[in-house]
Protein backbone atom coordinates (compact mmCIF):
# COMPACT_ATOMS: atom_id res chain seq x y z
CA MET A 1 7.91 107.13 -46.25
CA LEU A 2 5.38 105.41 -48.56
CA ASN A 3 2.42 107.59 -49.65
CA CYS A 4 -0.49 105.32 -48.96
CA ASP A 5 -3.55 107.52 -48.64
CA MET A 6 -4.73 106.69 -52.22
CA LEU A 7 -4.59 102.82 -51.53
CA PRO A 8 -7.91 101.04 -51.76
CA PHE A 9 -7.12 99.16 -48.55
CA SER A 10 -6.03 99.77 -45.08
CA ALA A 11 -2.45 100.32 -44.34
CA ILE A 12 -0.53 100.91 -40.85
CA CYS A 13 3.16 101.90 -40.84
CA ILE A 14 5.14 100.89 -37.66
CA ASP A 15 8.73 100.86 -36.56
CA ARG A 16 10.76 97.88 -35.16
CA TYR A 17 9.44 98.72 -31.82
CA LEU A 18 5.95 98.27 -32.95
CA ASP A 19 5.04 102.05 -32.46
CA ILE A 20 2.44 103.24 -35.01
CA LYS A 21 3.99 106.10 -37.27
CA LYS A 22 1.27 106.43 -39.68
CA THR A 23 -2.08 104.92 -40.76
CA ASN A 24 -3.90 105.70 -44.01
CA GLN A 25 -7.31 107.21 -44.75
CA HIS A 26 -8.80 103.99 -45.65
CA PHE A 27 -7.81 102.45 -42.20
CA GLN A 28 -9.01 105.61 -40.29
CA LYS A 29 -12.38 105.47 -42.09
CA HIS A 30 -13.04 101.87 -41.28
CA LEU A 31 -11.60 101.62 -37.84
CA ILE A 32 -14.30 100.96 -35.21
CA LYS A 33 -14.62 104.39 -33.17
CA SER A 34 -14.05 102.80 -29.81
CA TYR A 35 -10.66 101.59 -30.90
CA LYS A 36 -9.33 104.96 -32.31
CA LYS A 37 -7.22 105.65 -29.07
CA GLN A 38 -5.52 102.31 -29.48
CA PHE A 39 -4.27 103.03 -33.14
CA HIS A 40 -3.28 106.75 -32.86
CA ILE A 41 0.10 107.78 -33.91
CA GLY A 42 2.66 106.93 -31.19
CA SER A 43 0.70 104.05 -29.67
CA ASN A 44 2.03 100.50 -29.71
CA LEU A 45 0.46 97.53 -31.36
CA LEU A 46 1.39 95.37 -28.35
CA VAL A 47 -1.31 97.22 -26.20
CA SER A 48 -3.88 97.46 -29.05
CA ASP A 49 -6.54 94.98 -30.16
CA THR A 50 -4.23 93.46 -32.72
CA ALA A 51 -4.56 89.55 -33.19
CA ASP A 52 -1.67 87.68 -31.58
CA ILE A 53 -1.15 86.01 -34.81
CA VAL A 54 -0.29 89.27 -36.60
CA ILE A 55 2.20 90.23 -33.83
CA ASN A 56 3.92 86.87 -34.24
CA ARG A 57 4.10 87.43 -38.01
CA ILE A 58 5.71 90.80 -37.60
CA ALA A 59 8.28 89.08 -35.22
CA ASP A 60 8.95 86.54 -37.89
CA ALA A 61 9.25 89.12 -40.63
CA LEU A 62 12.09 90.84 -38.50
CA ASN A 63 13.72 87.83 -37.41
CA LEU A 64 13.78 86.20 -41.01
CA GLY A 65 14.22 89.49 -42.92
CA CYS A 66 11.33 88.65 -45.24
CA ASP A 67 7.74 89.54 -45.74
CA GLN A 68 4.98 87.76 -44.13
CA SER A 69 1.24 87.10 -44.39
CA VAL A 70 -1.83 86.16 -42.46
CA HIS A 71 -4.69 84.52 -44.30
CA TRP A 72 -8.10 85.20 -43.05
CA LEU A 73 -8.73 81.42 -42.40
CA ASP A 74 -5.99 81.67 -39.69
CA ASN A 75 -7.60 84.45 -37.92
CA LYS A 76 -10.87 86.03 -39.33
CA PHE A 77 -10.82 89.26 -37.58
CA ASN A 78 -7.25 90.65 -37.42
CA PHE A 79 -8.13 94.26 -36.78
CA PRO A 80 -11.13 96.16 -35.43
CA LEU A 81 -12.43 97.37 -38.81
CA ARG A 82 -15.77 97.61 -40.21
CA THR A 83 -16.78 96.86 -43.78
CA SER A 84 -18.13 99.34 -46.16
CA ASN A 85 -21.49 97.83 -45.87
CA LEU A 86 -23.16 100.46 -43.56
CA ILE A 87 -26.46 98.62 -43.36
CA GLN A 88 -25.04 95.47 -41.89
CA ASN A 89 -22.23 97.19 -40.16
CA GLU A 90 -20.33 93.98 -39.94
CA LYS A 91 -16.79 93.48 -38.79
CA MET A 92 -14.28 93.16 -41.53
CA ILE A 93 -12.69 89.71 -42.43
CA THR A 94 -9.14 90.48 -43.74
CA ASN A 95 -6.00 89.16 -45.30
CA VAL A 96 -2.96 90.90 -43.89
CA ASN A 97 0.47 91.41 -45.56
CA ILE A 98 3.43 92.55 -43.61
CA VAL A 99 6.15 94.27 -45.75
CA LEU A 100 9.61 95.38 -44.74
CA GLN A 101 10.87 98.77 -46.05
CA SER A 102 14.12 100.03 -44.55
CA ASP A 103 13.37 100.67 -40.98
CA GLU A 104 9.70 100.69 -41.51
CA ILE A 105 7.19 97.85 -41.43
CA TRP A 106 4.08 98.26 -43.38
CA ILE A 107 0.89 96.34 -42.55
CA PHE A 108 -1.45 96.08 -45.57
CA ILE A 109 -4.91 95.02 -44.68
CA SER A 110 -7.35 93.65 -47.35
CA ASP A 111 -11.10 93.45 -47.02
CA VAL A 112 -12.12 89.84 -48.11
CA THR A 113 -15.41 89.81 -46.33
CA ASN A 114 -17.52 88.96 -49.07
CA GLU A 115 -15.15 86.05 -50.57
CA ALA A 116 -14.82 84.72 -47.01
CA LYS A 117 -18.51 84.75 -46.39
CA SER A 118 -18.98 82.96 -49.67
CA VAL A 119 -16.60 80.23 -48.52
CA MET A 120 -18.14 79.99 -45.10
CA ASP A 121 -21.58 79.88 -46.56
CA GLN A 122 -20.50 77.01 -48.95
CA LYS A 123 -18.87 75.16 -46.06
CA ALA A 124 -22.05 75.57 -43.89
CA ILE A 125 -24.11 74.28 -46.71
CA GLU A 126 -21.68 71.25 -47.15
CA GLU A 127 -21.81 70.62 -43.48
CA ARG A 128 -25.55 70.64 -43.31
CA LEU A 129 -25.92 68.36 -46.24
CA ARG A 130 -23.35 66.00 -44.65
CA LYS A 131 -25.48 65.90 -41.38
CA GLU A 132 -28.69 65.50 -43.35
CA THR A 133 -27.29 62.44 -45.14
CA GLN A 134 -25.88 60.98 -41.90
CA THR A 135 -28.37 61.73 -39.32
CA ASP A 136 -32.09 61.09 -38.48
CA ALA A 137 -34.00 64.49 -38.61
CA LEU A 138 -36.27 63.68 -35.66
CA THR A 139 -33.74 62.35 -33.06
CA GLY A 140 -30.43 63.76 -34.27
CA LEU A 141 -29.08 60.20 -34.15
CA TYR A 142 -27.14 58.61 -36.90
CA ASN A 143 -29.57 56.93 -39.45
CA ARG A 144 -29.49 53.32 -40.75
CA LYS A 145 -27.44 53.99 -43.78
CA HIS A 146 -24.66 55.80 -41.79
CA ILE A 147 -24.42 53.15 -39.05
CA ASN A 148 -24.07 50.45 -41.50
CA LYS A 149 -21.37 52.43 -43.25
CA GLN A 150 -19.57 52.98 -40.06
CA ILE A 151 -19.81 49.38 -39.07
CA ARG A 152 -18.41 48.08 -42.68
CA TYR A 153 -15.46 50.66 -42.01
CA PHE A 154 -14.73 49.10 -38.60
CA HIS A 155 -14.91 45.63 -40.01
CA ASP A 156 -12.66 46.32 -42.98
CA LEU A 157 -10.13 48.26 -40.88
CA SER A 158 -9.84 45.55 -38.30
CA LEU A 159 -9.31 42.79 -41.02
CA ARG A 160 -6.75 44.86 -42.65
CA ASP A 161 -4.84 45.22 -39.45
CA ASN A 162 -5.08 41.47 -38.71
CA ARG A 163 -7.29 41.98 -35.70
CA ASN A 164 -10.27 40.04 -34.76
CA PRO A 165 -11.83 41.91 -31.91
CA LEU A 166 -15.24 41.21 -30.37
CA TYR A 167 -18.02 43.71 -31.03
CA SER A 168 -21.59 43.85 -29.78
CA ILE A 169 -24.95 44.74 -31.46
CA ILE A 170 -27.90 45.84 -29.35
CA LEU A 171 -31.25 46.11 -31.20
CA LEU A 172 -33.77 47.85 -29.21
CA ASP A 173 -37.61 48.44 -29.84
CA LEU A 174 -39.94 50.50 -27.72
CA ASP A 175 -42.87 48.40 -26.57
CA HIS A 176 -46.62 49.19 -27.56
CA PHE A 177 -45.33 52.40 -29.26
CA LYS A 178 -48.28 52.34 -31.55
CA GLN A 179 -50.50 52.78 -28.64
CA VAL A 180 -48.63 55.99 -27.58
CA ASN A 181 -49.30 57.46 -31.16
CA ASP A 182 -52.93 56.35 -31.09
CA THR A 183 -53.76 57.53 -27.49
CA TYR A 184 -51.60 60.74 -27.12
CA GLY A 185 -50.97 61.77 -30.62
CA HIS A 186 -47.98 61.72 -33.02
CA ALA A 187 -46.50 64.83 -31.68
CA MET A 188 -46.07 63.08 -28.21
CA GLY A 189 -44.73 59.92 -30.10
CA ASP A 190 -42.01 62.19 -31.52
CA GLU A 191 -41.25 63.67 -28.15
CA VAL A 192 -40.89 60.09 -26.71
CA LEU A 193 -38.48 59.06 -29.62
CA ARG A 194 -36.42 62.27 -28.99
CA LYS A 195 -36.04 61.51 -25.27
CA VAL A 196 -35.29 57.82 -25.81
CA ALA A 197 -32.66 58.94 -28.33
CA HIS A 198 -31.10 61.47 -25.75
CA THR A 199 -31.15 58.85 -22.92
CA LEU A 200 -29.41 56.27 -25.27
CA ARG A 201 -26.61 58.66 -26.19
CA ASP A 202 -26.02 59.42 -22.47
CA SER A 203 -26.11 55.88 -21.60
CA MET A 204 -23.38 54.61 -24.01
CA ARG A 205 -19.67 55.09 -24.31
CA ARG A 206 -18.12 57.81 -26.61
CA THR A 207 -16.86 55.00 -28.83
CA ASP A 208 -20.25 53.45 -29.24
CA ILE A 209 -22.45 54.25 -32.25
CA VAL A 210 -26.28 54.83 -31.63
CA ALA A 211 -28.62 54.88 -34.55
CA ARG A 212 -32.29 55.26 -35.19
CA PHE A 213 -32.75 52.16 -37.34
CA GLY A 214 -36.39 52.84 -38.31
CA GLY A 215 -39.69 53.79 -36.63
CA GLU A 216 -39.24 52.98 -32.91
CA GLU A 217 -36.24 50.76 -33.47
CA PHE A 218 -32.79 51.71 -32.43
CA LEU A 219 -29.38 50.02 -33.07
CA ILE A 220 -26.29 50.45 -30.94
CA PHE A 221 -22.95 49.18 -32.12
CA LEU A 222 -20.23 48.63 -29.54
CA PRO A 223 -16.83 48.31 -31.13
CA SER A 224 -13.85 46.73 -29.63
CA TYR A 225 -15.64 44.83 -26.93
CA LYS A 226 -12.72 43.63 -24.86
CA ASP A 227 -14.35 40.97 -22.59
CA ASP A 228 -15.95 37.94 -24.26
CA GLN A 229 -17.83 37.15 -21.10
CA PRO A 230 -21.62 38.15 -21.13
CA SER A 231 -21.65 40.02 -17.85
CA ASP A 232 -20.79 43.50 -19.33
CA LEU A 233 -23.31 43.16 -22.13
CA LYS A 234 -26.02 42.02 -19.65
CA GLN A 235 -25.18 45.07 -17.48
CA CYS A 236 -25.37 47.50 -20.42
CA CYS A 237 -28.82 46.14 -21.53
CA ALA A 238 -30.13 46.28 -18.06
CA ARG A 239 -28.80 49.95 -17.81
CA ILE A 240 -30.42 50.90 -20.99
CA GLN A 241 -33.96 49.24 -19.87
CA SER A 242 -33.63 50.96 -16.52
CA SER A 243 -32.94 54.36 -17.96
CA ILE A 244 -35.74 54.29 -20.37
CA SER A 245 -38.18 52.98 -17.77
CA ARG A 246 -37.51 55.83 -15.59
CA LEU A 247 -38.61 58.50 -18.38
CA ARG A 248 -41.80 60.19 -17.80
CA PHE A 249 -43.98 62.06 -20.26
CA ASN A 250 -47.04 64.24 -19.76
CA ALA A 251 -49.71 64.39 -22.14
CA ASP A 252 -52.42 67.06 -21.10
CA GLY A 253 -51.89 66.09 -17.51
CA ILE A 254 -51.73 62.47 -18.12
CA GLU A 255 -48.30 60.92 -17.04
CA PHE A 256 -47.05 57.78 -18.70
CA GLY A 257 -43.86 55.96 -19.26
CA VAL A 258 -42.40 53.42 -21.82
CA SER A 259 -40.46 50.18 -21.82
CA CYS A 260 -38.27 48.46 -24.40
CA SER A 261 -37.28 45.05 -25.53
CA ILE A 262 -33.85 44.27 -26.59
CA GLY A 263 -31.91 41.57 -28.54
CA ALA A 264 -28.25 41.71 -28.24
CA VAL A 265 -25.40 39.64 -29.62
CA SER A 266 -21.53 39.67 -29.40
CA GLU A 267 -19.44 38.40 -32.17
CA ARG A 268 -16.02 38.49 -33.65
CA ILE A 269 -15.39 40.98 -36.24
CA SER A 270 -14.54 38.26 -38.77
CA SER A 271 -18.18 37.16 -38.67
CA ASP A 272 -20.83 38.34 -41.14
CA PHE A 273 -22.55 41.53 -39.85
CA ASP A 274 -25.76 40.70 -41.68
CA SER A 275 -26.10 37.24 -39.93
CA SER A 276 -25.14 38.97 -36.52
CA TYR A 277 -27.94 41.66 -37.20
CA ARG A 278 -30.55 38.93 -38.13
CA LEU A 279 -29.57 37.06 -34.90
CA ALA A 280 -29.98 40.23 -32.84
CA ASP A 281 -33.49 40.82 -34.64
CA LYS A 282 -34.53 37.17 -33.77
CA LEU A 283 -33.60 37.78 -30.20
CA LEU A 284 -35.51 41.06 -30.02
CA TYR A 285 -38.76 39.32 -31.22
CA LYS A 286 -38.08 36.56 -28.81
CA ALA A 287 -38.07 39.20 -26.11
CA LYS A 288 -41.26 40.72 -27.51
CA ASN A 289 -42.97 37.29 -27.63
CA ASN A 290 -41.75 36.54 -24.21
CA GLY A 291 -43.66 39.28 -22.67
CA ARG A 292 -41.58 42.41 -23.48
CA ALA A 293 -39.63 44.77 -21.25
CA GLN A 294 -36.79 42.30 -21.23
CA SER A 295 -33.60 41.34 -23.14
CA PHE A 296 -32.29 38.20 -24.75
CA ILE A 297 -28.58 38.08 -25.00
CA GLN A 298 -26.36 35.73 -26.97
CA VAL A 299 -22.49 35.57 -26.16
CA ASN A 300 -20.40 32.60 -27.28
CA ASP A 301 -23.40 30.53 -28.14
CA ARG A 302 -24.74 31.16 -24.62
CA LEU A 303 -28.24 32.61 -24.39
CA ILE A 304 -29.26 34.78 -21.54
CA ASN A 305 -32.59 36.28 -20.60
CA VAL A 306 -32.61 39.44 -18.69
CA VAL A 307 -36.12 40.16 -17.20
CA GLY A 308 -36.40 43.51 -15.38
CA PHE A 309 -33.27 45.03 -13.87
CA ASP A 310 -32.05 42.35 -11.59
CA VAL A 311 -28.66 42.25 -13.12
CA LEU A 312 -28.28 46.00 -11.73
CA CYS A 313 -29.88 45.21 -8.38
CA ASN A 314 -27.58 42.34 -7.79
CA SER A 315 -24.36 43.86 -8.91
């Protein structure tokens, strides 16, 4: 049997039935006390707190007749071991090597906690930076730059696949939002924007992209809109207006609500997005100039005005 007590990492020796024959001093020192009964001599790994992936790799080693390994990325915590950092008292992240020696199977467990944490910290930083470049800090929605990028991607992919699907753009602006800031303060204005953003996210399909386009303006991109009739887009705009109108806010005991104006357009993907956006923007301002709290929608050169929520009531 290998003399493993001088090894600077943990080691477990088992037989082909997975019964533990020996553990080295490093393993005994770092094993969490509450697990000592599971890993005493004569106990079986199958009834211990050993990760399934390690058990499976042992089976692979026996079946294939060659050594196996488990990288920490596959399972960060393979064994209930603590690191040498007594202050943090954290669980050990490990790499595991399974080595066949005659009738013995040796499991060598290396502590890679520091290296793994460096990788995870770097990935967390990269993910945070990615989110910061893609999302609006206040609402958590995509920002203008990212939704433009997503629309361009959808456009290029559709043309490359020789498809020309219909898509829709909904441009939404909160009515009299400056008065909300002036009357109730910017903190309350921020709360309004956050709740409206949450409402828009909940009102749309998973495939739709919702973004804060700037200030109190939001843009919704609806890809692959199958029906070229205006009814579905009318229903969608009416549903958004209804959902936002039902929101209630409380500023020092004063309750108030908000409304929105919408410009919406459906186009084929082969059309120029910038011109579609400019058309939606013109329709939005048409809704503003027509009294607000309404939608102007254009599909197939047909202009539709939706005032209130009559579409929902009559559906």
